[in-house]
């Protein structure tokens, strides 16, 4: 028996519960994914898994008003609770909530797999990319938005006596008179100006760097602000129009960016750094199609499993 698989002494339905718990958590490593694929391929396992998954999902949001409810639904729910048990149900809940608990407590606005438009207290506007979060710190003397995750675009209402700042990872982007975007990924923060001007500083490493329309800069908590190549202003925050523009991007980064828009979890198996950089224009409002397009362009293989799981690997290392 694979060491990552549930014990075969458990009833098949209980084995399915173990896999549902792992997949729902979003924290599953490569060896466990391979074990799940092997387990799912065994005779009768997929049928049992799908049945138990539907029962588990029936504990979630209710159907839309007016839709038909099977007469046996209450009994099915009761039977599931008896079989899964209080412990397994608690694990499912904690697995889903604990990784996000800190962010939930901090954030004033969050987005899921789609964009979120926000009107800020001063009348300024923000658009959050998928899987992004901000916290607001407004007072009589300050307008500060903390970017907790992801990226956001801002259109700022001028207030000369109260500067507008976006803070992230130990640095600050301060508006002068502009529309701009800030992203936070892998410990790096990038500021991009669509119109007007901003200034950027890393608190630990020096003074201000000024940016005008079409200019970009990046910093980390332990580095100076570094200017990046200029881009056309209309390409900044192209995700607001549902576009993902990749220019000499690593395949791993491209997969991660598409994954933000998928309803289910996306896992990478193996090392994608051996693949050449990619340049492409993809539609983020069709993330499954975008992932398939990237796969055909970059030499990837996509395996889709129940619960919206997608496993991405380099085609050369994919098993037949």
C-alpha atoms as a PDB file:
ATOM      1  CA  UNK A   1       0.000   0.000   0.000  1.00  0.00           C
ATOM      2  CA  UNK A   2       1.235   3.508  -0.804  1.00  0.00           C
ATOM      3  CA  UNK A   3       2.274   5.268   2.431  1.00  0.00           C
ATOM      4  CA  UNK A   4       0.310   8.356   1.399  1.00  0.00           C
ATOM      5  CA  UNK A   5      -2.975   6.499   0.849  1.00  0.00           C
ATOM      6  CA  UNK A   6      -5.619   5.875   3.517  1.00  0.00           C
ATOM      7  CA  UNK A   7      -5.466   2.472   5.155  1.00  0.00           C
ATOM      8  CA  UNK A   8      -7.137  -0.199   3.052  1.00  0.00           C
ATOM      9  CA  UNK A   9      -8.643  -1.557   6.266  1.00  0.00           C
ATOM     10  CA  UNK A  10     -11.003   1.416   6.241  1.00  0.00           C
ATOM     11  CA  UNK A  11     -14.290   1.094   4.349  1.00  0.00           C
ATOM     12  CA  UNK A  12     -14.017   2.534   0.851  1.00  0.00           C
ATOM     13  CA  UNK A  13     -16.300   5.449   1.745  1.00  0.00           C
ATOM     14  CA  UNK A  14     -14.022   6.375   4.662  1.00  0.00           C
ATOM     15  CA  UNK A  15     -11.012   6.308   2.338  1.00  0.00           C
ATOM     16  CA  UNK A  16     -12.880   8.728   0.091  1.00  0.00           C
ATOM     17  CA  UNK A  17     -13.484  10.998   3.127  1.00  0.00           C
ATOM     18  CA  UNK A  18      -9.737  11.136   3.774  1.00  0.00           C
ATOM     19  CA  UNK A  19      -9.078  12.271   0.208  1.00  0.00           C
ATOM     20  CA  UNK A  20     -11.895  14.824   0.340  1.00  0.00           C
ATOM     21  CA  UNK A  21     -10.346  16.284   3.491  1.00  0.00           C
ATOM     22  CA  UNK A  22      -6.913  16.567   1.890  1.00  0.00           C
ATOM     23  CA  UNK A  23      -8.199  18.106  -1.318  1.00  0.00           C
ATOM     24  CA  UNK A  24     -10.459  20.566   0.509  1.00  0.00           C
ATOM     25  CA  UNK A  25      -7.492  21.808   2.522  1.00  0.00           C
ATOM     26  CA  UNK A  26      -5.580  22.875  -0.595  1.00  0.00           C
ATOM     27  CA  UNK A  27      -2.432  21.595   1.093  1.00  0.00           C
ATOM     28  CA  UNK A  28      -1.412  18.393  -0.625  1.00  0.00           C
ATOM     29  CA  UNK A  29       2.066  17.564  -1.857  1.00  0.00           C
ATOM     30  CA  UNK A  30       3.232  15.871  -5.032  1.00  0.00           C
ATOM     31  CA  UNK A  31       3.491  12.401  -3.504  1.00  0.00           C
ATOM     32  CA  UNK A  32      -0.060  12.664  -2.135  1.00  0.00           C
ATOM     33  CA  UNK A  33      -1.389  13.813  -5.507  1.00  0.00           C
ATOM     34  CA  UNK A  34       0.209  10.831  -7.208  1.00  0.00           C
ATOM     35  CA  UNK A  35      -1.238   8.552  -4.539  1.00  0.00           C
ATOM     36  CA  UNK A  36      -4.687  10.075  -5.074  1.00  0.00           C
ATOM     37  CA  UNK A  37      -4.505   9.539  -8.831  1.00  0.00           C
ATOM     38  CA  UNK A  38      -3.505   5.914  -8.237  1.00  0.00           C
ATOM     39  CA  UNK A  39      -6.282   5.409  -5.669  1.00  0.00           C
ATOM     40  CA  UNK A  40      -8.890   7.018  -7.940  1.00  0.00           C
ATOM     41  CA  UNK A  41      -7.934   4.707 -10.827  1.00  0.00           C
ATOM     42  CA  UNK A  42      -8.775   1.564  -8.868  1.00  0.00           C
ATOM     43  CA  UNK A  43     -11.995  -0.241  -9.862  1.00  0.00           C
ATOM     44  CA  UNK A  44     -15.036   1.304  -8.192  1.00  0.00           C
ATOM     45  CA  UNK A  45     -13.096   4.079  -6.413  1.00  0.00           C
ATOM     46  CA  UNK A  46     -14.119   6.973  -8.679  1.00  0.00           C
ATOM     47  CA  UNK A  47     -17.809   6.080  -8.337  1.00  0.00           C
ATOM     48  CA  UNK A  48     -17.585   6.011  -4.520  1.00  0.00           C
ATOM     49  CA  UNK A  49     -15.534   9.213  -4.432  1.00  0.00           C
ATOM     50  CA  UNK A  50     -18.048  11.099  -6.578  1.00  0.00           C
ATOM     51  CA  UNK A  51     -20.956   9.856  -4.468  1.00  0.00           C
ATOM     52  CA  UNK A  52     -19.309  10.897  -1.188  1.00  0.00           C
ATOM     53  CA  UNK A  53     -18.246  14.232  -2.684  1.00  0.00           C
ATOM     54  CA  UNK A  54     -21.853  15.006  -3.628  1.00  0.00           C
ATOM     55  CA  UNK A  55     -22.963  14.164  -0.099  1.00  0.00           C
ATOM     56  CA  UNK A  56     -20.259  16.405   1.358  1.00  0.00           C
ATOM     57  CA  UNK A  57     -21.260  19.264  -0.941  1.00  0.00           C
ATOM     58  CA  UNK A  58     -24.889  18.874   0.111  1.00  0.00           C
ATOM     59  CA  UNK A  59     -23.825  20.197   3.534  1.00  0.00           C
ATOM     60  CA  UNK A  60     -22.785  23.471   1.928  1.00  0.00           C
ATOM     61  CA  UNK A  61     -24.907  26.341   0.514  1.00  0.00           C
ATOM     62  CA  UNK A  62     -28.572  25.543  -0.065  1.00  0.00           C
ATOM     63  CA  UNK A  63     -29.946  25.239  -3.567  1.00  0.00           C
ATOM     64  CA  UNK A  64     -31.470  28.255  -5.228  1.00  0.00           C
ATOM     65  CA  UNK A  65     -35.055  29.029  -4.165  1.00  0.00           C
ATOM     66  CA  UNK A  66     -37.574  27.142  -6.198  1.00  0.00           C
ATOM     67  CA  UNK A  67     -35.209  24.366  -7.245  1.00  0.00           C
ATOM     68  CA  UNK A  68     -36.229  20.781  -6.613  1.00  0.00           C
ATOM     69  CA  UNK A  69     -34.985  19.142  -3.400  1.00  0.00           C
ATOM     70  CA  UNK A  70     -34.826  15.337  -3.334  1.00  0.00           C
ATOM     71  CA  UNK A  71     -37.096  13.985  -0.619  1.00  0.00           C
ATOM     72  CA  UNK A  72     -34.237  11.965   0.849  1.00  0.00           C
ATOM     73  CA  UNK A  73     -31.891  14.961   1.282  1.00  0.00           C
ATOM     74  CA  UNK A  74     -32.299  15.294   5.109  1.00  0.00           C
ATOM     75  CA  UNK A  75     -31.734  11.595   5.570  1.00  0.00           C
ATOM     76  CA  UNK A  76     -28.693  11.711   3.294  1.00  0.00           C
ATOM     77  CA  UNK A  77     -27.221  14.578   5.309  1.00  0.00           C
ATOM     78  CA  UNK A  78     -27.866  12.744   8.567  1.00  0.00           C
ATOM     79  CA  UNK A  79     -26.316   9.573   7.220  1.00  0.00           C
ATOM     80  CA  UNK A  80     -23.234  11.474   6.049  1.00  0.00           C
ATOM     81  CA  UNK A  81     -22.688  13.071   9.451  1.00  0.00           C
ATOM     82  CA  UNK A  82     -22.942   9.693  11.102  1.00  0.00           C
ATOM     83  CA  UNK A  83     -20.421   8.186   8.721  1.00  0.00           C
ATOM     84  CA  UNK A  84     -17.938  11.017   8.566  1.00  0.00           C
ATOM     85  CA  UNK A  85     -18.187  11.749  12.266  1.00  0.00           C
ATOM     86  CA  UNK A  86     -17.663  14.940  14.179  1.00  0.00           C
ATOM     87  CA  UNK A  87     -13.867  14.691  13.990  1.00  0.00           C
ATOM     88  CA  UNK A  88     -13.699  14.451  10.217  1.00  0.00           C
ATOM     89  CA  UNK A  89     -16.221  17.261   9.805  1.00  0.00           C
ATOM     90  CA  UNK A  90     -14.145  19.474  12.096  1.00  0.00           C
ATOM     91  CA  UNK A  91     -11.012  18.699  10.100  1.00  0.00           C
ATOM     92  CA  UNK A  92     -12.782  19.701   6.903  1.00  0.00           C
ATOM     93  CA  UNK A  93     -13.890  23.004   8.384  1.00  0.00           C
ATOM     94  CA  UNK A  94     -10.521  23.817   9.907  1.00  0.00           C
ATOM     95  CA  UNK A  95      -8.617  22.827   6.777  1.00  0.00           C
ATOM     96  CA  UNK A  96     -10.656  25.287   4.764  1.00  0.00           C
ATOM     97  CA  UNK A  97     -10.696  28.154   7.273  1.00  0.00           C
ATOM     98  CA  UNK A  98      -7.426  28.201   9.206  1.00  0.00           C
ATOM     99  CA  UNK A  99      -5.101  29.249   6.329  1.00  0.00           C
ATOM    100  CA  UNK A 100      -7.412  32.187   5.632  1.00  0.00           C
ATOM    101  CA  UNK A 101      -8.275  33.145   9.197  1.00  0.00           C
ATOM    102  CA  UNK A 102      -5.574  35.779   9.639  1.00  0.00           C
ATOM    103  CA  UNK A 103      -6.382  37.377   6.299  1.00  0.00           C
ATOM    104  CA  UNK A 104     -10.098  37.450   7.084  1.00  0.00           C
ATOM    105  CA  UNK A 105      -9.433  39.270  10.348  1.00  0.00           C
ATOM    106  CA  UNK A 106      -7.210  41.878   8.730  1.00  0.00           C
ATOM    107  CA  UNK A 107      -8.944  42.560   5.428  1.00  0.00           C
ATOM    108  CA  UNK A 108     -11.679  45.121   4.877  1.00  0.00           C
ATOM    109  CA  UNK A 109     -12.199  44.004   1.273  1.00  0.00           C
ATOM    110  CA  UNK A 110     -11.378  40.680  -0.389  1.00  0.00           C
ATOM    111  CA  UNK A 111     -11.962  39.109  -3.784  1.00  0.00           C
ATOM    112  CA  UNK A 112     -12.464  35.465  -4.703  1.00  0.00           C
ATOM    113  CA  UNK A 113     -12.007  34.033  -8.194  1.00  0.00           C
ATOM    114  CA  UNK A 114     -13.343  37.226  -9.808  1.00  0.00           C
ATOM    115  CA  UNK A 115     -12.558  40.939  -9.634  1.00  0.00           C
ATOM    116  CA  UNK A 116     -14.040  43.199  -6.971  1.00  0.00           C
ATOM    117  CA  UNK A 117     -14.713  46.930  -7.431  1.00  0.00           C
ATOM    118  CA  UNK A 118     -14.527  49.011  -4.250  1.00  0.00           C
ATOM    119  CA  UNK A 119     -15.403  52.639  -3.503  1.00  0.00           C
ATOM    120  CA  UNK A 120     -13.084  53.844  -0.744  1.00  0.00           C
ATOM    121  CA  UNK A 121     -14.214  56.147   2.105  1.00  0.00           C
ATOM    122  CA  UNK A 122     -12.733  59.241   0.424  1.00  0.00           C
ATOM    123  CA  UNK A 123     -14.473  58.576  -2.900  1.00  0.00           C
ATOM    124  CA  UNK A 124     -11.407  57.055  -4.553  1.00  0.00           C
ATOM    125  CA  UNK A 125     -11.894  53.807  -6.452  1.00  0.00           C
ATOM    126  CA  UNK A 126     -10.088  50.476  -6.288  1.00  0.00           C
ATOM    127  CA  UNK A 127     -10.393  47.290  -8.298  1.00  0.00           C
ATOM    128  CA  UNK A 128      -9.070  44.123  -6.683  1.00  0.00           C
ATOM    129  CA  UNK A 129      -7.714  41.375  -8.871  1.00  0.00           C
ATOM    130  CA  UNK A 130      -8.821  37.811  -8.140  1.00  0.00           C
ATOM    131  CA  UNK A 131      -7.593  36.407  -4.804  1.00  0.00           C
ATOM    132  CA  UNK A 132      -6.585  39.824  -3.472  1.00  0.00           C
ATOM    133  CA  UNK A 133      -7.192  41.648  -0.201  1.00  0.00           C
ATOM    134  CA  UNK A 134      -6.767  45.147   1.245  1.00  0.00           C
ATOM    135  CA  UNK A 135      -7.106  46.745   4.678  1.00  0.00           C
ATOM    136  CA  UNK A 136      -8.115  50.395   5.094  1.00  0.00           C
ATOM    137  CA  UNK A 137      -6.487  52.798   7.551  1.00  0.00           C
ATOM    138  CA  UNK A 138      -8.280  56.130   7.244  1.00  0.00           C
ATOM    139  CA  UNK A 139      -8.218  59.002   9.712  1.00  0.00           C
ATOM    140  CA  UNK A 140      -8.381  62.786   9.709  1.00  0.00           C
ATOM    141  CA  UNK A 141      -4.724  62.932   8.736  1.00  0.00           C
ATOM    142  CA  UNK A 142      -4.136  59.900   6.536  1.00  0.00           C
ATOM    143  CA  UNK A 143      -5.479  57.750   3.734  1.00  0.00           C
ATOM    144  CA  UNK A 144      -3.586  54.470   3.790  1.00  0.00           C
ATOM    145  CA  UNK A 145      -4.486  51.219   2.070  1.00  0.00           C
ATOM    146  CA  UNK A 146      -2.545  48.099   2.999  1.00  0.00           C
ATOM    147  CA  UNK A 147      -2.233  45.542   0.216  1.00  0.00           C
ATOM    148  CA  UNK A 148      -2.387  42.217   2.033  1.00  0.00           C
ATOM    149  CA  UNK A 149      -2.447  39.920  -0.986  1.00  0.00           C
ATOM    150  CA  UNK A 150      -2.568  39.986  -4.763  1.00  0.00           C
ATOM    151  CA  UNK A 151      -2.875  43.182  -6.742  1.00  0.00           C
ATOM    152  CA  UNK A 152      -5.118  46.200  -6.990  1.00  0.00           C
ATOM    153  CA  UNK A 153      -5.664  49.206  -9.219  1.00  0.00           C
ATOM    154  CA  UNK A 154      -6.422  52.613  -7.738  1.00  0.00           C
ATOM    155  CA  UNK A 155      -7.985  55.785  -9.117  1.00  0.00           C
ATOM    156  CA  UNK A 156      -7.372  58.416  -6.479  1.00  0.00           C
ATOM    157  CA  UNK A 157      -9.484  61.425  -5.595  1.00  0.00           C
ATOM    158  CA  UNK A 158      -7.092  64.334  -4.923  1.00  0.00           C
ATOM    159  CA  UNK A 159      -6.792  65.621  -1.364  1.00  0.00           C
ATOM    160  CA  UNK A 160      -3.622  67.731  -1.027  1.00  0.00           C
ATOM    161  CA  UNK A 161      -3.815  67.792   2.773  1.00  0.00           C
ATOM    162  CA  UNK A 162      -4.177  64.007   3.084  1.00  0.00           C
ATOM    163  CA  UNK A 163      -1.803  61.945   0.925  1.00  0.00           C
ATOM    164  CA  UNK A 164      -2.990  58.611  -0.444  1.00  0.00           C
ATOM    165  CA  UNK A 165      -0.634  55.737   0.287  1.00  0.00           C
ATOM    166  CA  UNK A 166      -0.544  52.017  -0.484  1.00  0.00           C
ATOM    167  CA  UNK A 167       1.705  50.020   1.823  1.00  0.00           C
ATOM    168  CA  UNK A 168       2.921  46.460   1.255  1.00  0.00           C
ATOM    169  CA  UNK A 169       5.833  44.340   2.474  1.00  0.00           C
ATOM    170  CA  UNK A 170       7.691  47.097   4.267  1.00  0.00           C
ATOM    171  CA  UNK A 171       7.365  49.752   1.569  1.00  0.00           C
ATOM    172  CA  UNK A 172       5.011  52.469   0.393  1.00  0.00           C
ATOM    173  CA  UNK A 173       3.586  53.742  -2.877  1.00  0.00           C
ATOM    174  CA  UNK A 174       2.300  57.299  -2.540  1.00  0.00           C
ATOM    175  CA  UNK A 175      -0.035  58.942  -5.012  1.00  0.00           C
ATOM    176  CA  UNK A 176       0.764  62.385  -6.341  1.00  0.00           C
ATOM    177  CA  UNK A 177      -2.074  62.667  -8.911  1.00  0.00           C
ATOM    178  CA  UNK A 178      -2.718  59.453 -10.686  1.00  0.00           C
ATOM    179  CA  UNK A 179      -4.249  56.086 -11.464  1.00  0.00           C
ATOM    180  CA  UNK A 180      -1.888  53.255 -10.678  1.00  0.00           C
ATOM    181  CA  UNK A 181      -1.636  49.570  -9.803  1.00  0.00           C
ATOM    182  CA  UNK A 182       0.287  47.728  -7.091  1.00  0.00           C
ATOM    183  CA  UNK A 183       0.941  43.987  -6.998  1.00  0.00           C
ATOM    184  CA  UNK A 184       2.337  41.773  -4.266  1.00  0.00           C
ATOM    185  CA  UNK A 185       3.683  38.338  -5.257  1.00  0.00           C
ATOM    186  CA  UNK A 186       6.345  36.052  -3.840  1.00  0.00           C
ATOM    187  CA  UNK A 187       7.695  38.703  -1.470  1.00  0.00           C
ATOM    188  CA  UNK A 188       8.032  41.315  -4.222  1.00  0.00           C
ATOM    189  CA  UNK A 189       5.976  44.469  -4.649  1.00  0.00           C
ATOM    190  CA  UNK A 190       5.593  46.168  -8.019  1.00  0.00           C
ATOM    191  CA  UNK A 191       4.102  49.591  -8.724  1.00  0.00           C
ATOM    192  CA  UNK A 192       2.875  50.580 -12.207  1.00  0.00           C
ATOM    193  CA  UNK A 193       1.568  54.009 -13.233  1.00  0.00           C
ATOM    194  CA  UNK A 194      -1.271  54.286 -15.715  1.00  0.00           C
ATOM    195  CA  UNK A 195      -1.541  58.080 -15.556  1.00  0.00           C
ATOM    196  CA  UNK A 196      -0.106  60.880 -13.456  1.00  0.00           C
ATOM    197  CA  UNK A 197       2.739  60.219 -11.012  1.00  0.00           C
ATOM    198  CA  UNK A 198       3.568  58.242  -7.867  1.00  0.00           C
ATOM    199  CA  UNK A 199       6.602  57.875  -5.676  1.00  0.00           C
ATOM    200  CA  UNK A 200       7.834  54.600  -4.214  1.00  0.00           C
ATOM    201  CA  UNK A 201      10.058  53.834  -1.236  1.00  0.00           C
ATOM    202  CA  UNK A 202      11.243  50.756   0.588  1.00  0.00           C
ATOM    203  CA  UNK A 203      11.263  51.755   4.259  1.00  0.00           C
ATOM    204  CA  UNK A 204      14.564  50.073   5.054  1.00  0.00           C
ATOM    205  CA  UNK A 205      16.475  50.938   1.903  1.00  0.00           C
ATOM    206  CA  UNK A 206      16.667  54.568   0.877  1.00  0.00           C
ATOM    207  CA  UNK A 207      14.565  57.462  -0.416  1.00  0.00           C
ATOM    208  CA  UNK A 208      11.857  58.043  -2.976  1.00  0.00           C
ATOM    209  CA  UNK A 209      11.797  56.829  -6.579  1.00  0.00           C
ATOM    210  CA  UNK A 210       9.407  58.802  -8.789  1.00  0.00           C
ATOM    211  CA  UNK A 211       7.371  57.144 -11.533  1.00  0.00           C
ATOM    212  CA  UNK A 212       5.368  58.701 -14.358  1.00  0.00           C
ATOM    213  CA  UNK A 213       2.820  57.156 -16.742  1.00  0.00           C
ATOM    214  CA  UNK A 214       4.046  53.880 -18.224  1.00  0.00           C
ATOM    215  CA  UNK A 215       6.837  53.466 -15.675  1.00  0.00           C
ATOM    216  CA  UNK A 216       7.269  50.612 -13.207  1.00  0.00           C
ATOM    217  CA  UNK A 217       9.398  49.797 -10.179  1.00  0.00           C
ATOM    218  CA  UNK A 218       9.843  46.864  -7.829  1.00  0.00           C
ATOM    219  CA  UNK A 219      11.146  46.305  -4.306  1.00  0.00           C
ATOM    220  CA  UNK A 220      11.372  43.651  -1.626  1.00  0.00           C
ATOM    221  CA  UNK A 221      11.480  44.229   2.140  1.00  0.00           C
ATOM    222  CA  UNK A 222      15.287  44.037   2.034  1.00  0.00           C
ATOM    223  CA  UNK A 223      16.111  45.734  -1.260  1.00  0.00           C
ATOM    224  CA  UNK A 224      16.267  49.118  -2.878  1.00  0.00           C
ATOM    225  CA  UNK A 225      13.536  50.199  -5.283  1.00  0.00           C
ATOM    226  CA  UNK A 226      14.521  49.033  -8.782  1.00  0.00           C
ATOM    227  CA  UNK A 227      13.208  50.568 -11.994  1.00  0.00           C
ATOM    228  CA  UNK A 228      11.801  48.118 -14.545  1.00  0.00           C
ATOM    229  CA  UNK A 229      11.309  48.477 -18.283  1.00  0.00           C
ATOM    230  CA  UNK A 230       8.567  50.905 -19.268  1.00  0.00           C
ATOM    231  CA  UNK A 231       5.289  49.620 -20.688  1.00  0.00           C
ATOM    232  CA  UNK A 232       2.427  51.188 -22.606  1.00  0.00           C
ATOM    233  CA  UNK A 233       0.052  52.759 -20.055  1.00  0.00           C
ATOM    234  CA  UNK A 234      -2.952  50.963 -21.544  1.00  0.00           C
ATOM    235  CA  UNK A 235      -1.313  47.611 -20.762  1.00  0.00           C
ATOM    236  CA  UNK A 236      -1.104  48.349 -17.043  1.00  0.00           C
ATOM    237  CA  UNK A 237      -3.565  46.313 -14.981  1.00  0.00           C
ATOM    238  CA  UNK A 238      -4.862  44.650 -18.143  1.00  0.00           C
ATOM    239  CA  UNK A 239      -6.523  42.115 -15.843  1.00  0.00           C
ATOM    240  CA  UNK A 240      -9.262  44.696 -15.300  1.00  0.00           C
ATOM    241  CA  UNK A 241     -10.360  43.973 -18.883  1.00  0.00           C
ATOM    242  CA  UNK A 242     -10.069  40.219 -18.360  1.00  0.00           C
ATOM    243  CA  UNK A 243      -6.683  39.907 -20.078  1.00  0.00           C
ATOM    244  CA  UNK A 244      -3.472  38.319 -18.865  1.00  0.00           C
ATOM    245  CA  UNK A 245      -0.509  39.640 -20.839  1.00  0.00           C
ATOM    246  CA  UNK A 246       2.592  37.515 -20.405  1.00  0.00           C
ATOM    247  CA  UNK A 247       5.911  38.792 -21.669  1.00  0.00           C
ATOM    248  CA  UNK A 248       8.916  36.516 -21.132  1.00  0.00           C
ATOM    249  CA  UNK A 249       7.192  35.112 -18.054  1.00  0.00           C
ATOM    250  CA  UNK A 250       8.253  31.913 -16.362  1.00  0.00           C
ATOM    251  CA  UNK A 251       5.819  29.056 -16.855  1.00  0.00           C
ATOM    252  CA  UNK A 252       5.436  28.638 -13.084  1.00  0.00           C
ATOM    253  CA  UNK A 253       4.416  32.289 -12.714  1.00  0.00           C
ATOM    254  CA  UNK A 254       1.958  31.992 -15.606  1.00  0.00           C
ATOM    255  CA  UNK A 255       0.335  28.932 -14.023  1.00  0.00           C
ATOM    256  CA  UNK A 256       0.109  30.699 -10.657  1.00  0.00           C
ATOM    257  CA  UNK A 257      -1.547  33.741 -12.178  1.00  0.00           C
ATOM    258  CA  UNK A 258      -4.165  31.708 -14.049  1.00  0.00           C
ATOM    259  CA  UNK A 259      -4.798  29.642 -10.910  1.00  0.00           C
ATOM    260  CA  UNK A 260      -6.103  32.728  -9.115  1.00  0.00           C
ATOM    261  CA  UNK A 261      -9.136  32.696 -11.417  1.00  0.00           C
ATOM    262  CA  UNK A 262      -9.956  28.980 -11.225  1.00  0.00           C
ATOM    263  CA  UNK A 263     -12.749  27.760  -8.974  1.00  0.00           C
ATOM    264  CA  UNK A 264     -10.757  24.712  -7.830  1.00  0.00           C
ATOM    265  CA  UNK A 265      -7.181  24.270  -6.549  1.00  0.00           C
ATOM    266  CA  UNK A 266      -4.239  24.069  -8.947  1.00  0.00           C
ATOM    267  CA  UNK A 267      -1.190  21.966  -8.100  1.00  0.00           C
ATOM    268  CA  UNK A 268       2.181  21.832  -9.857  1.00  0.00           C
ATOM    269  CA  UNK A 269       4.105  18.576 -10.041  1.00  0.00           C
ATOM    270  CA  UNK A 270       7.799  18.645 -10.842  1.00  0.00           C
ATOM    271  CA  UNK A 271      10.096  21.495 -11.802  1.00  0.00           C
ATOM    272  CA  UNK A 272       8.721  23.904 -14.401  1.00  0.00           C
ATOM    273  CA  UNK A 273      11.846  26.081 -14.366  1.00  0.00           C
ATOM    274  CA  UNK A 274      13.383  23.913 -17.107  1.00  0.00           C
ATOM    275  CA  UNK A 275      10.740  25.171 -19.549  1.00  0.00           C
ATOM    276  CA  UNK A 276      11.465  28.291 -21.634  1.00  0.00           C
ATOM    277  CA  UNK A 277       9.797  31.597 -20.809  1.00  0.00           C
ATOM    278  CA  UNK A 278       6.464  32.307 -22.477  1.00  0.00           C
ATOM    279  CA  UNK A 279       4.784  35.342 -24.012  1.00  0.00           C
ATOM    280  CA  UNK A 280       1.064  35.204 -24.611  1.00  0.00           C
ATOM    281  CA  UNK A 281      -2.247  37.038 -24.269  1.00  0.00           C
ATOM    282  CA  UNK A 282      -4.847  34.975 -22.404  1.00  0.00           C
ATOM    283  CA  UNK A 283      -8.459  35.551 -21.370  1.00  0.00           C
ATOM    284  CA  UNK A 284      -8.869  35.420 -17.603  1.00  0.00           C
ATOM    285  CA  UNK A 285     -12.661  35.287 -17.806  1.00  0.00           C
ATOM    286  CA  UNK A 286     -12.154  31.786 -19.307  1.00  0.00           C
ATOM    287  CA  UNK A 287      -9.500  30.381 -16.974  1.00  0.00           C
ATOM    288  CA  UNK A 288      -9.840  26.740 -18.051  1.00  0.00           C
ATOM    289  CA  UNK A 289      -9.316  27.701 -21.661  1.00  0.00           C
ATOM    290  CA  UNK A 290      -6.408  29.935 -20.636  1.00  0.00           C
ATOM    291  CA  UNK A 291      -4.776  27.036 -18.788  1.00  0.00           C
ATOM    292  CA  UNK A 292      -5.213  24.744 -21.798  1.00  0.00           C
ATOM    293  CA  UNK A 293      -3.757  27.398 -24.115  1.00  0.00           C
ATOM    294  CA  UNK A 294      -0.754  27.820 -21.840  1.00  0.00           C
ATOM    295  CA  UNK A 295      -0.314  24.050 -21.755  1.00  0.00           C
ATOM    296  CA  UNK A 296      -0.185  23.782 -25.541  1.00  0.00           C
ATOM    297  CA  UNK A 297       2.163  26.773 -25.787  1.00  0.00           C
ATOM    298  CA  UNK A 298       4.566  25.902 -22.972  1.00  0.00           C
ATOM    299  CA  UNK A 299       4.668  22.112 -23.158  1.00  0.00           C
ATOM    300  CA  UNK A 300       2.513  21.220 -20.181  1.00  0.00           C
ATOM    301  CA  UNK A 301       0.128  18.425 -19.394  1.00  0.00           C
ATOM    302  CA  UNK A 302      -3.025  19.169 -17.400  1.00  0.00           C
ATOM    303  CA  UNK A 303      -4.777  16.442 -15.427  1.00  0.00           C
ATOM    304  CA  UNK A 304      -8.215  17.417 -14.118  1.00  0.00           C
ATOM    305  CA  UNK A 305      -9.622  15.564 -11.144  1.00  0.00           C
ATOM    306  CA  UNK A 306     -12.817  15.809  -9.068  1.00  0.00           C
ATOM    307  CA  UNK A 307     -13.468  18.902  -6.914  1.00  0.00           C
ATOM    308  CA  UNK A 308     -12.036  21.142  -9.637  1.00  0.00           C
ATOM    309  CA  UNK A 309      -8.473  19.965  -8.978  1.00  0.00           C
ATOM    310  CA  UNK A 310      -6.005  20.591 -11.814  1.00  0.00           C
ATOM    311  CA  UNK A 311      -2.539  19.009 -11.740  1.00  0.00           C
ATOM    312  CA  UNK A 312       0.030  20.712 -13.962  1.00  0.00           C
ATOM    313  CA  UNK A 313       3.275  19.045 -14.997  1.00  0.00           C
ATOM    314  CA  UNK A 314       5.804  19.348 -17.804  1.00  0.00           C
ATOM    315  CA  UNK A 315       4.635  17.147 -20.667  1.00  0.00           C
ATOM    316  CA  UNK A 316       8.061  15.531 -20.980  1.00  0.00           C
ATOM    317  CA  UNK A 317       7.798  14.198 -17.419  1.00  0.00           C
ATOM    318  CA  UNK A 318       4.143  13.252 -17.575  1.00  0.00           C
ATOM    319  CA  UNK A 319       3.304   9.602 -17.119  1.00  0.00           C
ATOM    320  CA  UNK A 320       1.536   7.895 -20.030  1.00  0.00           C
END
